[in-house]
């Protein structure tokens, strides 16, 4: 979808802010699904975002970029939907986190504001640090708490 939007911008098509917000939500949900797995609510919301984006972008792209472009684009979307995502959680070293802790990093954006993430961390008794690269590092003793954090974040973003 991001590639389609870039191509439309190159063709001097103005993209509405709602479409860009939907794209950011889609990217966030995909990241959540990578961490959490294939939860039905996440998958449902990803499909909703994709449908919303497709319903707006497809006719615009067809008009501005042509039928052949749309045909190739829709084939790519179809292949991506069929492809089974295999998620592998990595345990790698991260500076500032004790080795025995479980952690996740979340990019701070308009969709994932710092105050929301801090509140969820506080509720779940997880530690957090704002990092220089614009991420919030969330960590704790229990991997289940990290997964609960992801679920709560997903629920808050779905509203």
C-alpha atoms as a PDB file:
ATOM      1  CA  UNK A   1       0.000   0.000   0.000  1.00  0.00           C
ATOM      2  CA  UNK A   2       2.826   2.366   0.866  1.00  0.00           C
ATOM      3  CA  UNK A   3       4.348   1.822  -2.587  1.00  0.00           C
ATOM      4  CA  UNK A   4       1.017   2.639  -4.225  1.00  0.00           C
ATOM      5  CA  UNK A   5       0.730   5.860  -2.230  1.00  0.00           C
ATOM      6  CA  UNK A   6       4.294   6.826  -3.203  1.00  0.00           C
ATOM      7  CA  UNK A   7       3.492   6.205  -6.881  1.00  0.00           C
ATOM      8  CA  UNK A   8       0.304   8.268  -6.591  1.00  0.00           C
ATOM      9  CA  UNK A   9       2.214  11.136  -4.990  1.00  0.00           C
ATOM     10  CA  UNK A  10       4.715  10.998  -7.848  1.00  0.00           C
ATOM     11  CA  UNK A  11       1.725  11.379 -10.179  1.00  0.00           C
ATOM     12  CA  UNK A  12       0.778  14.549  -8.219  1.00  0.00           C
ATOM     13  CA  UNK A  13      -2.258  12.983  -6.527  1.00  0.00           C
ATOM     14  CA  UNK A  14      -3.112  14.549  -3.183  1.00  0.00           C
ATOM     15  CA  UNK A  15      -3.589  11.827  -0.543  1.00  0.00           C
ATOM     16  CA  UNK A  16      -6.131  12.688   2.195  1.00  0.00           C
ATOM     17  CA  UNK A  17      -4.900  12.648   5.813  1.00  0.00           C
ATOM     18  CA  UNK A  18      -7.421   9.908   6.698  1.00  0.00           C
ATOM     19  CA  UNK A  19      -5.773   7.581   4.179  1.00  0.00           C
ATOM     20  CA  UNK A  20      -2.333   8.251   5.653  1.00  0.00           C
ATOM     21  CA  UNK A  21      -3.697   7.623   9.163  1.00  0.00           C
ATOM     22  CA  UNK A  22      -5.199   4.339   7.988  1.00  0.00           C
ATOM     23  CA  UNK A  23      -1.848   3.350   6.452  1.00  0.00           C
ATOM     24  CA  UNK A  24      -0.029   4.085   9.738  1.00  0.00           C
ATOM     25  CA  UNK A  25      -2.629   2.041  11.623  1.00  0.00           C
ATOM     26  CA  UNK A  26      -2.141  -0.817   9.185  1.00  0.00           C
ATOM     27  CA  UNK A  27       1.632  -0.782   9.667  1.00  0.00           C
ATOM     28  CA  UNK A  28       1.220  -0.716  13.461  1.00  0.00           C
ATOM     29  CA  UNK A  29      -1.247  -3.608  13.406  1.00  0.00           C
ATOM     30  CA  UNK A  30       1.076  -5.670  11.225  1.00  0.00           C
ATOM     31  CA  UNK A  31       3.873  -5.130  13.742  1.00  0.00           C
ATOM     32  CA  UNK A  32       1.523  -6.091  16.564  1.00  0.00           C
ATOM     33  CA  UNK A  33       0.568  -9.282  14.735  1.00  0.00           C
ATOM     34  CA  UNK A  34       4.243 -10.160  14.343  1.00  0.00           C
ATOM     35  CA  UNK A  35       4.744  -9.962  18.100  1.00  0.00           C
ATOM     36  CA  UNK A  36       1.416 -11.348  19.226  1.00  0.00           C
ATOM     37  CA  UNK A  37       0.755 -13.917  16.550  1.00  0.00           C
ATOM     38  CA  UNK A  38      -2.344 -14.282  14.432  1.00  0.00           C
ATOM     39  CA  UNK A  39      -4.993 -13.118  16.874  1.00  0.00           C
ATOM     40  CA  UNK A  40      -8.395 -12.946  15.217  1.00  0.00           C
ATOM     41  CA  UNK A  41      -9.022  -9.340  16.314  1.00  0.00           C
ATOM     42  CA  UNK A  42      -5.707  -8.162  14.891  1.00  0.00           C
ATOM     43  CA  UNK A  43      -6.242 -10.012  11.615  1.00  0.00           C
ATOM     44  CA  UNK A  44      -9.799  -8.657  11.364  1.00  0.00           C
ATOM     45  CA  UNK A  45      -8.575  -5.097  11.921  1.00  0.00           C
ATOM     46  CA  UNK A  46      -5.741  -5.552   9.384  1.00  0.00           C
ATOM     47  CA  UNK A  47      -8.294  -6.727   6.819  1.00  0.00           C
ATOM     48  CA  UNK A  48     -10.506  -3.714   7.608  1.00  0.00           C
ATOM     49  CA  UNK A  49      -7.598  -1.322   7.109  1.00  0.00           C
ATOM     50  CA  UNK A  50      -6.610  -3.021   3.854  1.00  0.00           C
ATOM     51  CA  UNK A  51     -10.188  -2.875   2.579  1.00  0.00           C
ATOM     52  CA  UNK A  52     -10.510   0.807   3.478  1.00  0.00           C
ATOM     53  CA  UNK A  53      -7.251   1.637   1.745  1.00  0.00           C
ATOM     54  CA  UNK A  54      -8.069  -0.463  -1.317  1.00  0.00           C
ATOM     55  CA  UNK A  55     -11.534   1.040  -1.710  1.00  0.00           C
ATOM     56  CA  UNK A  56     -10.087   4.549  -1.881  1.00  0.00           C
ATOM     57  CA  UNK A  57      -6.768   3.950  -3.620  1.00  0.00           C
ATOM     58  CA  UNK A  58      -7.740   1.445  -6.328  1.00  0.00           C
ATOM     59  CA  UNK A  59     -10.055   3.707  -8.390  1.00  0.00           C
ATOM     60  CA  UNK A  60      -7.702   6.671  -8.011  1.00  0.00           C
ATOM     61  CA  UNK A  61      -4.711   4.588  -9.092  1.00  0.00           C
ATOM     62  CA  UNK A  62      -6.634   3.082 -11.986  1.00  0.00           C
ATOM     63  CA  UNK A  63      -7.492   6.563 -13.245  1.00  0.00           C
ATOM     64  CA  UNK A  64      -4.027   8.067 -12.738  1.00  0.00           C
ATOM     65  CA  UNK A  65      -1.700   5.077 -13.270  1.00  0.00           C
ATOM     66  CA  UNK A  66      -3.670   2.802 -15.595  1.00  0.00           C
ATOM     67  CA  UNK A  67      -5.259  -0.637 -15.670  1.00  0.00           C
ATOM     68  CA  UNK A  68      -1.965  -2.521 -16.042  1.00  0.00           C
ATOM     69  CA  UNK A  69      -0.547  -0.935 -12.885  1.00  0.00           C
ATOM     70  CA  UNK A  70      -3.664  -1.884 -10.893  1.00  0.00           C
ATOM     71  CA  UNK A  71      -3.576  -5.438 -12.225  1.00  0.00           C
ATOM     72  CA  UNK A  72       0.030  -5.900 -11.012  1.00  0.00           C
ATOM     73  CA  UNK A  73      -0.751  -4.175  -7.722  1.00  0.00           C
ATOM     74  CA  UNK A  74      -3.811  -6.352  -7.007  1.00  0.00           C
ATOM     75  CA  UNK A  75      -1.794  -9.481  -7.806  1.00  0.00           C
ATOM     76  CA  UNK A  76       0.839  -8.395  -5.240  1.00  0.00           C
ATOM     77  CA  UNK A  77      -1.865  -7.784  -2.621  1.00  0.00           C
ATOM     78  CA  UNK A  78      -3.421 -11.167  -3.322  1.00  0.00           C
ATOM     79  CA  UNK A  79      -0.058 -12.934  -2.981  1.00  0.00           C
ATOM     80  CA  UNK A  80       0.683 -11.114   0.256  1.00  0.00           C
ATOM     81  CA  UNK A  81      -2.656 -12.188   1.722  1.00  0.00           C
ATOM     82  CA  UNK A  82      -2.046 -15.827   0.799  1.00  0.00           C
ATOM     83  CA  UNK A  83       1.475 -15.859   2.126  1.00  0.00           C
ATOM     84  CA  UNK A  84       1.578 -17.252   5.620  1.00  0.00           C
ATOM     85  CA  UNK A  85       3.527 -15.035   7.938  1.00  0.00           C
ATOM     86  CA  UNK A  86       6.034 -16.939   9.996  1.00  0.00           C
ATOM     87  CA  UNK A  87       6.960 -15.010  13.069  1.00  0.00           C
ATOM     88  CA  UNK A  88      10.073 -15.650  15.035  1.00  0.00           C
ATOM     89  CA  UNK A  89      10.564 -13.851  18.315  1.00  0.00           C
ATOM     90  CA  UNK A  90      14.189 -12.987  18.724  1.00  0.00           C
ATOM     91  CA  UNK A  91      16.057 -12.816  21.965  1.00  0.00           C
ATOM     92  CA  UNK A  92      18.890 -10.488  21.187  1.00  0.00           C
ATOM     93  CA  UNK A  93      21.001  -8.268  23.317  1.00  0.00           C
ATOM     94  CA  UNK A  94      19.697  -4.765  23.879  1.00  0.00           C
ATOM     95  CA  UNK A  95      21.716  -2.209  25.810  1.00  0.00           C
ATOM     96  CA  UNK A  96      20.082  -1.070  29.037  1.00  0.00           C
ATOM     97  CA  UNK A  97      17.929  -4.146  29.633  1.00  0.00           C
ATOM     98  CA  UNK A  98      19.033  -6.884  32.040  1.00  0.00           C
ATOM     99  CA  UNK A  99      19.498 -10.174  30.197  1.00  0.00           C
ATOM    100  CA  UNK A 100      16.817 -11.976  32.182  1.00  0.00           C
ATOM    101  CA  UNK A 101      14.080  -9.490  31.162  1.00  0.00           C
ATOM    102  CA  UNK A 102      11.584  -9.778  28.336  1.00  0.00           C
ATOM    103  CA  UNK A 103      11.123  -6.660  26.229  1.00  0.00           C
ATOM    104  CA  UNK A 104       9.524  -4.957  23.277  1.00  0.00           C
ATOM    105  CA  UNK A 105      10.232  -1.646  21.537  1.00  0.00           C
ATOM    106  CA  UNK A 106       7.395   0.545  20.276  1.00  0.00           C
ATOM    107  CA  UNK A 107       7.874   3.454  17.885  1.00  0.00           C
ATOM    108  CA  UNK A 108       6.352   6.616  19.346  1.00  0.00           C
ATOM    109  CA  UNK A 109       3.913   8.149  16.845  1.00  0.00           C
ATOM    110  CA  UNK A 110       0.604   9.996  16.845  1.00  0.00           C
ATOM    111  CA  UNK A 111      -1.090   6.570  16.882  1.00  0.00           C
ATOM    112  CA  UNK A 112       1.036   5.343  19.782  1.00  0.00           C
ATOM    113  CA  UNK A 113       1.411   8.346  22.105  1.00  0.00           C
ATOM    114  CA  UNK A 114       3.826   8.179  25.032  1.00  0.00           C
ATOM    115  CA  UNK A 115       1.195   8.883  27.706  1.00  0.00           C
ATOM    116  CA  UNK A 116      -0.964   5.940  26.532  1.00  0.00           C
ATOM    117  CA  UNK A 117       2.006   3.554  26.512  1.00  0.00           C
ATOM    118  CA  UNK A 118       3.205   4.730  29.938  1.00  0.00           C
ATOM    119  CA  UNK A 119      -0.269   4.211  31.393  1.00  0.00           C
ATOM    120  CA  UNK A 120      -0.446   0.652  30.050  1.00  0.00           C
ATOM    121  CA  UNK A 121       3.067  -0.038  31.413  1.00  0.00           C
ATOM    122  CA  UNK A 122       2.029   1.277  34.821  1.00  0.00           C
ATOM    123  CA  UNK A 123      -1.144  -0.835  34.858  1.00  0.00           C
ATOM    124  CA  UNK A 124       0.846  -3.979  34.046  1.00  0.00           C
ATOM    125  CA  UNK A 125       3.777  -3.082  36.332  1.00  0.00           C
ATOM    126  CA  UNK A 126       6.245  -3.028  33.442  1.00  0.00           C
ATOM    127  CA  UNK A 127       9.329  -0.832  33.296  1.00  0.00           C
ATOM    128  CA  UNK A 128       9.934   1.509  30.375  1.00  0.00           C
ATOM    129  CA  UNK A 129      12.562   3.867  28.967  1.00  0.00           C
ATOM    130  CA  UNK A 130      12.286   6.431  26.185  1.00  0.00           C
ATOM    131  CA  UNK A 131      15.161   5.860  23.789  1.00  0.00           C
ATOM    132  CA  UNK A 132      16.981   8.431  21.698  1.00  0.00           C
ATOM    133  CA  UNK A 133      15.826   6.886  18.404  1.00  0.00           C
ATOM    134  CA  UNK A 134      12.136   7.623  19.092  1.00  0.00           C
ATOM    135  CA  UNK A 135      11.222   4.231  20.534  1.00  0.00           C
ATOM    136  CA  UNK A 136       9.849   3.318  23.932  1.00  0.00           C
ATOM    137  CA  UNK A 137      11.544   0.273  25.431  1.00  0.00           C
ATOM    138  CA  UNK A 138       9.128  -1.738  27.584  1.00  0.00           C
ATOM    139  CA  UNK A 139      10.497  -4.584  29.675  1.00  0.00           C
ATOM    140  CA  UNK A 140       9.657  -6.850  32.571  1.00  0.00           C
ATOM    141  CA  UNK A 141      10.190 -10.233  34.201  1.00  0.00           C
ATOM    142  CA  UNK A 142       7.231 -12.028  32.647  1.00  0.00           C
ATOM    143  CA  UNK A 143       6.780 -12.570  28.911  1.00  0.00           C
ATOM    144  CA  UNK A 144       3.032 -12.909  29.505  1.00  0.00           C
ATOM    145  CA  UNK A 145       2.971  -9.309  30.775  1.00  0.00           C
ATOM    146  CA  UNK A 146       4.654  -8.138  27.565  1.00  0.00           C
ATOM    147  CA  UNK A 147       2.008  -9.980  25.547  1.00  0.00           C
ATOM    148  CA  UNK A 148      -0.712  -8.375  27.689  1.00  0.00           C
ATOM    149  CA  UNK A 149       0.885  -5.010  26.945  1.00  0.00           C
ATOM    150  CA  UNK A 150       0.653  -5.687  23.198  1.00  0.00           C
ATOM    151  CA  UNK A 151      -2.996  -6.741  23.512  1.00  0.00           C
ATOM    152  CA  UNK A 152      -3.900  -3.641  25.514  1.00  0.00           C
ATOM    153  CA  UNK A 153      -2.083  -1.434  23.045  1.00  0.00           C
ATOM    154  CA  UNK A 154      -3.983  -3.119  20.210  1.00  0.00           C
ATOM    155  CA  UNK A 155      -7.305  -2.566  21.981  1.00  0.00           C
ATOM    156  CA  UNK A 156      -6.485   1.102  22.566  1.00  0.00           C
ATOM    157  CA  UNK A 157      -5.523   1.574  18.891  1.00  0.00           C
ATOM    158  CA  UNK A 158      -8.688  -0.140  17.678  1.00  0.00           C
ATOM    159  CA  UNK A 159     -10.870   2.478  19.380  1.00  0.00           C
END
